[in-house]
C-alpha atoms as a PDB file:
ATOM      1  CA  MET A   1       0.000   0.000   0.000  1.00  0.00           C
ATOM      2  CA  ALA A   2       1.371   3.403  -0.961  1.00  0.00           C
ATOM      3  CA  GLY A   3       2.012   6.019   1.703  1.00  0.00           C
ATOM      4  CA  PRO A   4       0.379   9.415   1.799  1.00  0.00           C
ATOM      5  CA  GLY A   5       0.973  11.769  -1.101  1.00  0.00           C
ATOM      6  CA  PRO A   6       2.781  15.086  -0.634  1.00  0.00           C
ATOM      7  CA  TYR A   7      -0.438  17.071  -1.165  1.00  0.00           C
ATOM      8  CA  ASP A   8      -2.908  14.888   0.741  1.00  0.00           C
ATOM      9  CA  GLY A   9      -5.502  16.726   2.777  1.00  0.00           C
ATOM     10  CA  LEU A  10      -8.315  19.230   2.664  1.00  0.00           C
ATOM     11  CA  TRP A  11      -7.763  22.273   0.436  1.00  0.00           C
ATOM     12  CA  ASN A  12      -9.868  25.400   0.069  1.00  0.00           C
ATOM     13  CA  VAL A  13      -9.821  27.130  -3.319  1.00  0.00           C
ATOM     14  CA  VAL A  14     -10.901  30.758  -3.774  1.00  0.00           C
ATOM     15  CA  PHE A  15     -11.695  31.923  -7.309  1.00  0.00           C
ATOM     16  CA  ALA A  16     -11.150  35.456  -8.652  1.00  0.00           C
ATOM     17  CA  THR A  17     -12.703  36.585 -11.945  1.00  0.00           C
ATOM     18  CA  THR A  18     -10.511  38.575 -14.323  1.00  0.00           C
ATOM     19  CA  ARG A  19     -12.677  38.258 -17.457  1.00  0.00           C
ATOM     20  CA  GLY A  20     -16.470  38.183 -17.569  1.00  0.00           C
ATOM     21  CA  THR A  21     -19.194  39.185 -15.137  1.00  0.00           C
ATOM     22  CA  CYS A  22     -18.984  36.234 -12.733  1.00  0.00           C
ATOM     23  CA  SER A  23     -18.636  37.134  -9.073  1.00  0.00           C
ATOM     24  CA  SER A  24     -15.246  36.770  -7.409  1.00  0.00           C
ATOM     25  CA  GLY A  25     -14.564  35.225  -4.045  1.00  0.00           C
ATOM     26  CA  THR A  26     -16.401  31.932  -4.550  1.00  0.00           C
ATOM     27  CA  SER A  27     -14.680  29.121  -2.671  1.00  0.00           C
ATOM     28  CA  ILE A  28     -14.874  25.359  -3.104  1.00  0.00           C
ATOM     29  CA  PRO A  29     -13.274  22.835  -0.739  1.00  0.00           C
ATOM     30  CA  PHE A  30     -11.593  19.771  -2.186  1.00  0.00           C
ATOM     31  CA  ASN A  31      -9.679  16.730  -0.991  1.00  0.00           C
ATOM     32  CA  VAL A  32      -6.412  15.391  -2.330  1.00  0.00           C
ATOM     33  CA  THR A  33      -5.661  11.712  -1.778  1.00  0.00           C
ATOM     34  CA  GLY A  34      -2.564  10.442  -3.554  1.00  0.00           C
ATOM     35  CA  ASN A  35      -2.872  11.822  -7.071  1.00  0.00           C
ATOM     36  CA  ARG A  36      -6.689  12.178  -7.027  1.00  0.00           C
ATOM     37  CA  VAL A  37      -8.592  15.406  -6.446  1.00  0.00           C
ATOM     38  CA  SER A  38     -12.206  15.075  -5.298  1.00  0.00           C
ATOM     39  CA  SER A  39     -15.014  17.120  -3.757  1.00  0.00           C
ATOM     40  CA  ALA A  40     -15.090  17.946  -0.066  1.00  0.00           C
ATOM     41  CA  GLY A  41     -18.563  19.501  -0.370  1.00  0.00           C
ATOM     42  CA  GLY A  42     -19.958  22.458  -2.262  1.00  0.00           C
ATOM     43  CA  GLY A  43     -20.117  20.793  -5.671  1.00  0.00           C
ATOM     44  CA  ARG A  44     -18.538  18.121  -7.823  1.00  0.00           C
ATOM     45  CA  VAL A  45     -14.754  18.230  -8.159  1.00  0.00           C
ATOM     46  CA  GLU A  46     -12.612  15.816 -10.174  1.00  0.00           C
ATOM     47  CA  GLY A  47      -8.987  15.988 -11.141  1.00  0.00           C
ATOM     48  CA  ALA A  48      -5.426  14.885 -10.599  1.00  0.00           C
ATOM     49  CA  VAL A  49      -2.194  16.202  -9.157  1.00  0.00           C
ATOM     50  CA  THR A  50       1.317  15.024 -10.005  1.00  0.00           C
ATOM     51  CA  ARG A  51       4.055  14.469  -7.425  1.00  0.00           C
ATOM     52  CA  ALA A  52       5.655  17.664  -8.765  1.00  0.00           C
ATOM     53  CA  GLY A  53       2.467  19.586  -7.879  1.00  0.00           C
ATOM     54  CA  SER A  54       0.918  20.209 -11.302  1.00  0.00           C
ATOM     55  CA  VAL A  55      -2.843  20.046 -10.898  1.00  0.00           C
ATOM     56  CA  ALA A  56      -5.754  19.890 -13.357  1.00  0.00           C
ATOM     57  CA  VAL A  57      -9.331  19.994 -12.062  1.00  0.00           C
ATOM     58  CA  THR A  58     -12.909  20.322 -13.258  1.00  0.00           C
ATOM     59  CA  ALA A  59     -15.585  21.585 -10.886  1.00  0.00           C
ATOM     60  CA  SER A  60     -19.333  21.912 -11.250  1.00  0.00           C
ATOM     61  CA  VAL A  61     -22.091  23.298  -9.074  1.00  0.00           C
ATOM     62  CA  GLY A  62     -25.574  23.033 -10.538  1.00  0.00           C
ATOM     63  CA  ALA A  63     -25.436  24.278 -14.146  1.00  0.00           C
ATOM     64  CA  SER A  64     -22.092  26.033 -13.593  1.00  0.00           C
ATOM     65  CA  ARG A  65     -18.914  24.293 -14.738  1.00  0.00           C
ATOM     66  CA  ALA A  66     -15.268  25.332 -14.759  1.00  0.00           C
ATOM     67  CA  SER A  67     -11.870  23.799 -15.346  1.00  0.00           C
ATOM     68  CA  GLY A  68      -8.560  24.900 -13.983  1.00  0.00           C
ATOM     69  CA  ARG A  69      -4.845  24.216 -14.051  1.00  0.00           C
ATOM     70  CA  GLY A  70      -2.065  25.278 -11.783  1.00  0.00           C
ATOM     71  CA  ARG A  71       0.487  24.204  -9.240  1.00  0.00           C
ATOM     72  CA  LEU A  72       0.542  23.179  -5.595  1.00  0.00           C
ATOM     73  CA  VAL A  73       3.636  23.928  -3.516  1.00  0.00           C
ATOM     74  CA  GLY A  74       3.690  22.962   0.159  1.00  0.00           C
ATOM     75  CA  ASN A  75       0.412  24.177   1.668  1.00  0.00           C
ATOM     76  CA  TYR A  76      -0.408  26.676  -1.081  1.00  0.00           C
ATOM     77  CA  GLY A  77      -1.434  26.630  -4.718  1.00  0.00           C
ATOM     78  CA  SER A  78      -2.398  28.938  -7.541  1.00  0.00           C
ATOM     79  CA  GLY A  79      -3.413  28.858 -11.167  1.00  0.00           C
ATOM     80  CA  TYR A  80      -5.954  29.806 -13.783  1.00  0.00           C
ATOM     81  CA  TRP A  81      -9.544  28.755 -14.452  1.00  0.00           C
ATOM     82  CA  SER A  82     -12.209  29.212 -17.130  1.00  0.00           C
ATOM     83  CA  GLY A  83     -15.796  28.140 -17.478  1.00  0.00           C
ATOM     84  CA  VAL A  84     -19.465  28.995 -17.700  1.00  0.00           C
ATOM     85  CA  ILE A  85     -20.884  30.228 -14.403  1.00  0.00           C
ATOM     86  CA  SER A  86     -24.647  30.834 -14.234  1.00  0.00           C
ATOM     87  CA  GLY A  87     -24.710  31.180 -18.020  1.00  0.00           C
ATOM     88  CA  ASP A  88     -21.806  33.666 -18.245  1.00  0.00           C
ATOM     89  CA  ARG A  89     -18.471  32.719 -19.801  1.00  0.00           C
ATOM     90  CA  CYS A  90     -15.730  33.797 -17.412  1.00  0.00           C
ATOM     91  CA  SER A  91     -12.116  33.154 -16.517  1.00  0.00           C
ATOM     92  CA  GLY A  92      -9.658  34.156 -13.851  1.00  0.00           C
ATOM     93  CA  THR A  93      -7.235  32.964 -11.228  1.00  0.00           C
ATOM     94  CA  TRP A  94      -7.461  30.728  -8.198  1.00  0.00           C
ATOM     95  CA  GLN A  95      -5.597  30.501  -4.891  1.00  0.00           C
ATOM     96  CA  ALA A  96      -5.587  27.421  -2.669  1.00  0.00           C
ATOM     97  CA  THR A  97      -4.586  26.743   0.928  1.00  0.00           C
ATOM     98  CA  ARG A  98      -4.329  23.399   2.702  1.00  0.00           C
ATOM     99  CA  GLY A  99      -5.579  22.799   6.207  1.00  0.00           C
END
């Protein structure tokens, strides 16, 4: 059985909108177990993280759906996202913290 991954745990991701009319400040919690990213509540989250910290995720809440890519380092992460939120096409950045 493999040991814990370097990014295992509960993460909280806060989204900021830089293009479009979607609201900023929305947060979604997610879990990392090994190389899998999954929901910790607040919507459906699926994705993967490499041992080097590269992460790719899709998230959906109701009719809203977004995908993002970025990097996790230690207890922090950041990257970019794009999607359709409440019918509006938007994109922006995200910041994540573990714990």
